[in-house]
Amino acid sequence: MRLILLRHGETIWNIDKRLQGHDNAPLSPRGIAQAKSIIPSIQKLSPARVVMSDLGRARQTAEIIGYGDAPADAGLRELNMGVWTGKCKPDLIDTYPKLYQAWRAGTFTPEGGEEWHMFVLRVKNSLRLWLQAGDGDLLAVVHSGVIRAACFTFLNLKPAQILPVTPGSLTILNFASITSQPQLEAYNVGMTAPDIQVAD
């Protein structure tokens, strides 16, 4: 069974390198193009089931790729970034370089934000429920942070070890059984060049 994780397309906040968290911004023209360009890959993978985050940018991406009626799960939302929501990544790095690196490593939580371990638990519980809910490959239209949390949960890759995935890209975990550790079949695969500077 494959868990196919699709990051939503680029948003207008991604362009400005703003952290989105639970806030939302619509897809940019490039983000719409990214979602459209990944359709042939999704069709080739032919997932048996689809779920999406309930945030607008994931919903918009799911609609573009033909799964607008997929169930939405709040457990698959991006990390809540508290007072850092809406802040520009370069500004945070300039102003709080150590705190920003600690946040990326999962050891610091901005005021009002979600602790990394609680976020991981939320994502883990949601993904496991969906994986156990039926047979066949599962496509989840989600966020960069959710993909990092999945890699941590299932592959034991720490957040500081993982580069952010590009909008509109696929990451695939292949499970021999629901209780086994999966193999990483693909990471950050898409029709556009990787962009490690894009904000979450």
C-alpha atoms as a PDB file:
ATOM      1  CA  MET A   1       0.000   0.000   0.000  1.00  0.00           C
ATOM      2  CA  ARG A   2       1.294   3.411  -0.932  1.00  0.00           C
ATOM      3  CA  LEU A   3       0.756   6.638   0.972  1.00  0.00           C
ATOM      4  CA  ILE A   4       0.998   9.315  -1.712  1.00  0.00           C
ATOM      5  CA  LEU A   5       1.500  12.779  -0.232  1.00  0.00           C
ATOM      6  CA  LEU A   6       0.871  15.747  -2.517  1.00  0.00           C
ATOM      7  CA  ARG A   7       1.813  19.212  -1.327  1.00  0.00           C
ATOM      8  CA  HIS A   8      -0.644  21.877  -2.446  1.00  0.00           C
ATOM      9  CA  GLY A   9       0.382  24.229  -5.242  1.00  0.00           C
ATOM     10  CA  GLU A  10       2.214  27.483  -4.608  1.00  0.00           C
ATOM     11  CA  THR A  11       0.103  30.190  -2.957  1.00  0.00           C
ATOM     12  CA  ILE A  12       0.432  33.965  -3.107  1.00  0.00           C
ATOM     13  CA  TRP A  13       1.857  33.835   0.432  1.00  0.00           C
ATOM     14  CA  ASN A  14       4.466  31.308  -0.709  1.00  0.00           C
ATOM     15  CA  ILE A  15       5.649  33.881  -3.228  1.00  0.00           C
ATOM     16  CA  ASP A  16       6.221  36.365  -0.389  1.00  0.00           C
ATOM     17  CA  LYS A  17       7.818  33.601   1.725  1.00  0.00           C
ATOM     18  CA  ARG A  18       5.149  34.106   4.399  1.00  0.00           C
ATOM     19  CA  LEU A  19       4.402  31.343   6.897  1.00  0.00           C
ATOM     20  CA  GLN A  20       0.777  30.270   6.475  1.00  0.00           C
ATOM     21  CA  GLY A  21       0.055  27.749   9.195  1.00  0.00           C
ATOM     22  CA  HIS A  22      -3.710  27.598   9.720  1.00  0.00           C
ATOM     23  CA  ASP A  23      -4.260  30.828   7.784  1.00  0.00           C
ATOM     24  CA  ASN A  24      -4.880  30.614   4.118  1.00  0.00           C
ATOM     25  CA  ALA A  25      -4.028  32.167   0.781  1.00  0.00           C
ATOM     26  CA  PRO A  26      -5.232  31.166  -2.691  1.00  0.00           C
ATOM     27  CA  LEU A  27      -3.014  29.419  -5.175  1.00  0.00           C
ATOM     28  CA  SER A  28      -0.927  31.655  -7.393  1.00  0.00           C
ATOM     29  CA  PRO A  29      -1.060  31.236 -11.193  1.00  0.00           C
ATOM     30  CA  ARG A  30       2.134  29.179 -10.868  1.00  0.00           C
ATOM     31  CA  GLY A  31       0.493  27.087  -8.131  1.00  0.00           C
ATOM     32  CA  ILE A  32      -2.481  26.373 -10.364  1.00  0.00           C
ATOM     33  CA  ALA A  33      -0.085  25.340 -13.136  1.00  0.00           C
ATOM     34  CA  GLN A  34       1.810  23.088 -10.702  1.00  0.00           C
ATOM     35  CA  ALA A  35      -1.399  21.321  -9.714  1.00  0.00           C
ATOM     36  CA  LYS A  36      -2.405  20.861 -13.347  1.00  0.00           C
ATOM     37  CA  SER A  37       1.023  19.567 -14.321  1.00  0.00           C
ATOM     38  CA  ILE A  38       0.983  16.837 -11.666  1.00  0.00           C
ATOM     39  CA  ILE A  39      -2.327  15.384 -12.914  1.00  0.00           C
ATOM     40  CA  PRO A  40      -0.716  12.851 -15.313  1.00  0.00           C
ATOM     41  CA  SER A  41       1.442  11.521 -12.468  1.00  0.00           C
ATOM     42  CA  ILE A  42      -1.594  11.175 -10.192  1.00  0.00           C
ATOM     43  CA  GLN A  43      -3.518   9.420 -12.955  1.00  0.00           C
ATOM     44  CA  LYS A  44      -0.647   6.997 -13.484  1.00  0.00           C
ATOM     45  CA  LEU A  45      -0.479   6.260  -9.747  1.00  0.00           C
ATOM     46  CA  SER A  46      -4.273   5.778  -9.743  1.00  0.00           C
ATOM     47  CA  PRO A  47      -4.918   6.047  -5.973  1.00  0.00           C
ATOM     48  CA  ALA A  48      -7.834   4.013  -4.667  1.00  0.00           C
ATOM     49  CA  ARG A  49      -8.715   6.603  -2.039  1.00  0.00           C
ATOM     50  CA  VAL A  50      -8.162  10.347  -1.543  1.00  0.00           C
ATOM     51  CA  VAL A  51      -8.250  12.622   1.496  1.00  0.00           C
ATOM     52  CA  MET A  52      -7.295  16.264   1.891  1.00  0.00           C
ATOM     53  CA  SER A  53      -6.519  18.848   4.516  1.00  0.00           C
ATOM     54  CA  ASP A  54      -9.513  21.076   5.206  1.00  0.00           C
ATOM     55  CA  LEU A  55      -7.533  24.274   4.523  1.00  0.00           C
ATOM     56  CA  GLY A  56      -8.424  26.184   1.375  1.00  0.00           C
ATOM     57  CA  ARG A  57      -5.121  25.797  -0.477  1.00  0.00           C
ATOM     58  CA  ALA A  58      -5.324  22.002  -0.174  1.00  0.00           C
ATOM     59  CA  ARG A  59      -8.996  22.020  -1.186  1.00  0.00           C
ATOM     60  CA  GLN A  60      -8.202  24.161  -4.240  1.00  0.00           C
ATOM     61  CA  THR A  61      -5.404  21.805  -5.266  1.00  0.00           C
ATOM     62  CA  ALA A  62      -7.634  18.753  -4.799  1.00  0.00           C
ATOM     63  CA  GLU A  63     -10.321  20.364  -6.975  1.00  0.00           C
ATOM     64  CA  ILE A  64      -7.822  21.086  -9.759  1.00  0.00           C
ATOM     65  CA  ILE A  65      -6.551  17.509  -9.858  1.00  0.00           C
ATOM     66  CA  GLY A  66     -10.093  16.152  -9.954  1.00  0.00           C
ATOM     67  CA  TYR A  67     -10.764  15.204  -6.323  1.00  0.00           C
ATOM     68  CA  GLY A  68     -12.774  18.169  -5.071  1.00  0.00           C
ATOM     69  CA  ASP A  69     -15.283  15.799  -3.450  1.00  0.00           C
ATOM     70  CA  ALA A  70     -12.644  14.019  -1.348  1.00  0.00           C
ATOM     71  CA  PRO A  71     -13.219  14.032   2.410  1.00  0.00           C
ATOM     72  CA  ALA A  72     -11.492  16.855   4.296  1.00  0.00           C
ATOM     73  CA  ASP A  73      -9.663  16.170   7.556  1.00  0.00           C
ATOM     74  CA  ALA A  74      -8.682  18.939   9.999  1.00  0.00           C
ATOM     75  CA  GLY A  75      -6.105  16.529  11.418  1.00  0.00           C
ATOM     76  CA  LEU A  76      -4.107  17.006   8.226  1.00  0.00           C
ATOM     77  CA  ARG A  77      -3.828  20.782   8.563  1.00  0.00           C
ATOM     78  CA  GLU A  78      -0.445  22.486   8.503  1.00  0.00           C
ATOM     79  CA  LEU A  79       1.325  23.220  11.792  1.00  0.00           C
ATOM     80  CA  ASN A  80      -0.260  26.105  13.712  1.00  0.00           C
ATOM     81  CA  MET A  81       2.509  28.724  13.769  1.00  0.00           C
ATOM     82  CA  GLY A  82       0.993  31.058  16.351  1.00  0.00           C
ATOM     83  CA  VAL A  83       2.304  34.627  16.302  1.00  0.00           C
ATOM     84  CA  TRP A  84       4.651  33.723  13.454  1.00  0.00           C
ATOM     85  CA  THR A  85       1.693  33.166  11.114  1.00  0.00           C
ATOM     86  CA  GLY A  86       1.941  35.624   8.255  1.00  0.00           C
ATOM     87  CA  LYS A  87       5.547  36.533   9.052  1.00  0.00           C
ATOM     88  CA  CYS A  88       8.125  36.497   6.275  1.00  0.00           C
ATOM     89  CA  LYS A  89      10.751  33.780   6.539  1.00  0.00           C
ATOM     90  CA  PRO A  90      13.737  36.097   5.696  1.00  0.00           C
ATOM     91  CA  ASP A  91      12.623  38.565   8.398  1.00  0.00           C
ATOM     92  CA  LEU A  92      12.400  35.806  11.011  1.00  0.00           C
ATOM     93  CA  ILE A  93      15.825  34.477  10.043  1.00  0.00           C
ATOM     94  CA  ASP A  94      17.343  37.975  10.312  1.00  0.00           C
ATOM     95  CA  THR A  95      15.609  38.832  13.592  1.00  0.00           C
ATOM     96  CA  TYR A  96      15.532  35.486  15.381  1.00  0.00           C
ATOM     97  CA  PRO A  97      18.140  33.276  13.680  1.00  0.00           C
ATOM     98  CA  LYS A  98      18.596  30.838  16.579  1.00  0.00           C
ATOM     99  CA  LEU A  99      14.887  30.615  17.356  1.00  0.00           C
ATOM    100  CA  TYR A 100      14.092  30.063  13.701  1.00  0.00           C
ATOM    101  CA  GLN A 101      16.583  27.194  13.447  1.00  0.00           C
ATOM    102  CA  ALA A 102      15.225  25.737  16.686  1.00  0.00           C
ATOM    103  CA  TRP A 103      11.697  25.984  15.288  1.00  0.00           C
ATOM    104  CA  ARG A 104      12.765  24.205  12.093  1.00  0.00           C
ATOM    105  CA  ALA A 105      14.330  21.498  14.283  1.00  0.00           C
ATOM    106  CA  GLY A 106      11.097  21.110  16.254  1.00  0.00           C
ATOM    107  CA  THR A 107      12.525  22.350  19.560  1.00  0.00           C
ATOM    108  CA  PHE A 108      10.921  25.820  19.719  1.00  0.00           C
ATOM    109  CA  THR A 109       7.268  26.851  19.520  1.00  0.00           C
ATOM    110  CA  PRO A 110       6.237  30.449  18.763  1.00  0.00           C
ATOM    111  CA  GLU A 111       3.697  31.950  21.176  1.00  0.00           C
ATOM    112  CA  GLY A 112       0.247  30.549  20.500  1.00  0.00           C
ATOM    113  CA  GLY A 113       1.666  27.927  18.154  1.00  0.00           C
ATOM    114  CA  GLU A 114       1.507  24.157  18.106  1.00  0.00           C
ATOM    115  CA  GLU A 115       4.306  22.122  19.627  1.00  0.00           C
ATOM    116  CA  TRP A 116       6.096  19.890  17.147  1.00  0.00           C
ATOM    117  CA  HIS A 117       5.442  16.658  19.049  1.00  0.00           C
ATOM    118  CA  MET A 118       1.717  17.443  19.320  1.00  0.00           C
ATOM    119  CA  PHE A 119       1.581  18.251  15.605  1.00  0.00           C
ATOM    120  CA  VAL A 120       3.320  14.968  14.769  1.00  0.00           C
ATOM    121  CA  LEU A 121       0.867  13.063  16.954  1.00  0.00           C
ATOM    122  CA  ARG A 122      -2.075  14.755  15.220  1.00  0.00           C
ATOM    123  CA  VAL A 123      -0.763  13.957  11.738  1.00  0.00           C
ATOM    124  CA  LYS A 124       0.228  10.417  12.724  1.00  0.00           C
ATOM    125  CA  ASN A 125      -3.206   9.640  14.144  1.00  0.00           C
ATOM    126  CA  SER A 126      -5.013  11.016  11.096  1.00  0.00           C
ATOM    127  CA  LEU A 127      -2.835   9.269   8.532  1.00  0.00           C
ATOM    128  CA  ARG A 128      -2.975   5.931  10.358  1.00  0.00           C
ATOM    129  CA  LEU A 129      -6.770   6.117  10.526  1.00  0.00           C
ATOM    130  CA  TRP A 130      -6.998   6.775   6.793  1.00  0.00           C
ATOM    131  CA  LEU A 131      -4.483   4.057   5.966  1.00  0.00           C
ATOM    132  CA  GLN A 132      -6.440   1.556   8.051  1.00  0.00           C
ATOM    133  CA  ALA A 133      -9.833   2.651   6.717  1.00  0.00           C
ATOM    134  CA  GLY A 134      -9.613   0.801   3.425  1.00  0.00           C
ATOM    135  CA  ASP A 135      -7.567  -1.046   0.849  1.00  0.00           C
ATOM    136  CA  GLY A 136      -5.422   0.337  -1.924  1.00  0.00           C
ATOM    137  CA  ASP A 137      -3.164   3.335  -2.282  1.00  0.00           C
ATOM    138  CA  LEU A 138      -4.098   6.521  -0.439  1.00  0.00           C
ATOM    139  CA  LEU A 139      -3.519  10.015  -1.834  1.00  0.00           C
ATOM    140  CA  ALA A 140      -3.406  12.815   0.753  1.00  0.00           C
ATOM    141  CA  VAL A 141      -3.398  16.443  -0.439  1.00  0.00           C
ATOM    142  CA  VAL A 142      -1.586  18.216   2.362  1.00  0.00           C
ATOM    143  CA  HIS A 143       1.157  20.643   3.398  1.00  0.00           C
ATOM    144  CA  SER A 144       4.949  20.715   3.669  1.00  0.00           C
ATOM    145  CA  GLY A 145       4.862  20.368   7.450  1.00  0.00           C
ATOM    146  CA  VAL A 146       2.502  17.403   7.250  1.00  0.00           C
ATOM    147  CA  ILE A 147       4.912  15.676   4.879  1.00  0.00           C
ATOM    148  CA  ARG A 148       7.821  16.321   7.274  1.00  0.00           C
ATOM    149  CA  ALA A 149       5.708  14.959  10.133  1.00  0.00           C
ATOM    150  CA  ALA A 150       4.886  11.840   8.098  1.00  0.00           C
ATOM    151  CA  CYS A 151       8.574  11.280   7.302  1.00  0.00           C
ATOM    152  CA  PHE A 152       9.378  11.654  11.003  1.00  0.00           C
ATOM    153  CA  THR A 153       6.561   9.309  12.056  1.00  0.00           C
ATOM    154  CA  PHE A 154       7.092   6.545   9.532  1.00  0.00           C
ATOM    155  CA  LEU A 155      10.793   6.902   8.621  1.00  0.00           C
ATOM    156  CA  ASN A 156      12.240   8.443  11.806  1.00  0.00           C
ATOM    157  CA  LEU A 157      13.685  11.376   9.833  1.00  0.00           C
ATOM    158  CA  LYS A 158      14.061  14.388  12.101  1.00  0.00           C
ATOM    159  CA  PRO A 159      12.651  17.722  10.859  1.00  0.00           C
ATOM    160  CA  ALA A 160      16.104  19.300  10.735  1.00  0.00           C
ATOM    161  CA  GLN A 161      17.205  16.510   8.362  1.00  0.00           C
ATOM    162  CA  ILE A 162      14.445  17.140   5.825  1.00  0.00           C
ATOM    163  CA  LEU A 163      14.399  19.860   3.192  1.00  0.00           C
ATOM    164  CA  PRO A 164      10.970  21.430   2.589  1.00  0.00           C
ATOM    165  CA  VAL A 165       9.122  19.914  -0.335  1.00  0.00           C
ATOM    166  CA  THR A 166       8.300  21.998  -3.389  1.00  0.00           C
ATOM    167  CA  PRO A 167       4.661  23.028  -3.925  1.00  0.00           C
ATOM    168  CA  GLY A 168       2.879  20.633  -6.241  1.00  0.00           C
ATOM    169  CA  SER A 169       5.313  17.779  -5.567  1.00  0.00           C
ATOM    170  CA  LEU A 170       4.793  14.157  -4.559  1.00  0.00           C
ATOM    171  CA  THR A 171       6.311  12.148  -1.728  1.00  0.00           C
ATOM    172  CA  ILE A 172       5.496   8.429  -1.680  1.00  0.00           C
ATOM    173  CA  LEU A 173       5.826   5.939   1.171  1.00  0.00           C
ATOM    174  CA  ASN A 174       5.384   2.260   0.300  1.00  0.00           C
ATOM    175  CA  PHE A 175       4.099  -0.032   3.070  1.00  0.00           C
ATOM    176  CA  ALA A 176       4.531  -3.803   2.805  1.00  0.00           C
ATOM    177  CA  SER A 177       1.936  -3.960   5.589  1.00  0.00           C
ATOM    178  CA  ILE A 178       0.162  -1.384   7.709  1.00  0.00           C
ATOM    179  CA  THR A 179       2.325  -2.287  10.727  1.00  0.00           C
ATOM    180  CA  SER A 180       5.682  -2.278   8.928  1.00  0.00           C
ATOM    181  CA  GLN A 181       8.081   0.611   8.421  1.00  0.00           C
ATOM    182  CA  PRO A 182       7.611   1.840   4.860  1.00  0.00           C
ATOM    183  CA  GLN A 183      10.194   2.431   2.183  1.00  0.00           C
ATOM    184  CA  LEU A 184      10.640   5.946   0.841  1.00  0.00           C
ATOM    185  CA  GLU A 185       9.739   5.462  -2.807  1.00  0.00           C
ATOM    186  CA  ALA A 186       9.850   9.130  -3.844  1.00  0.00           C
ATOM    187  CA  TYR A 187      10.524  12.500  -2.224  1.00  0.00           C
ATOM    188  CA  ASN A 188       9.802  15.957  -3.634  1.00  0.00           C
ATOM    189  CA  VAL A 189       9.057  14.656  -7.121  1.00  0.00           C
ATOM    190  CA  GLY A 190       7.186  17.006  -9.409  1.00  0.00           C
ATOM    191  CA  MET A 191       7.002  18.689 -12.759  1.00  0.00           C
ATOM    192  CA  THR A 192       8.700  21.877 -11.533  1.00  0.00           C
ATOM    193  CA  ALA A 193      12.221  22.420 -10.230  1.00  0.00           C
ATOM    194  CA  PRO A 194      12.669  22.045  -6.443  1.00  0.00           C
ATOM    195  CA  ASP A 195      12.595  25.327  -4.549  1.00  0.00           C
ATOM    196  CA  ILE A 196      13.990  24.955  -1.034  1.00  0.00           C
ATOM    197  CA  GLN A 197      13.398  28.653  -0.346  1.00  0.00           C
ATOM    198  CA  VAL A 198       9.600  28.417  -0.414  1.00  0.00           C
ATOM    199  CA  ALA A 199       7.988  29.053   2.967  1.00  0.00           C
ATOM    200  CA  ASP A 200       5.584  26.586   4.582  1.00  0.00           C
END
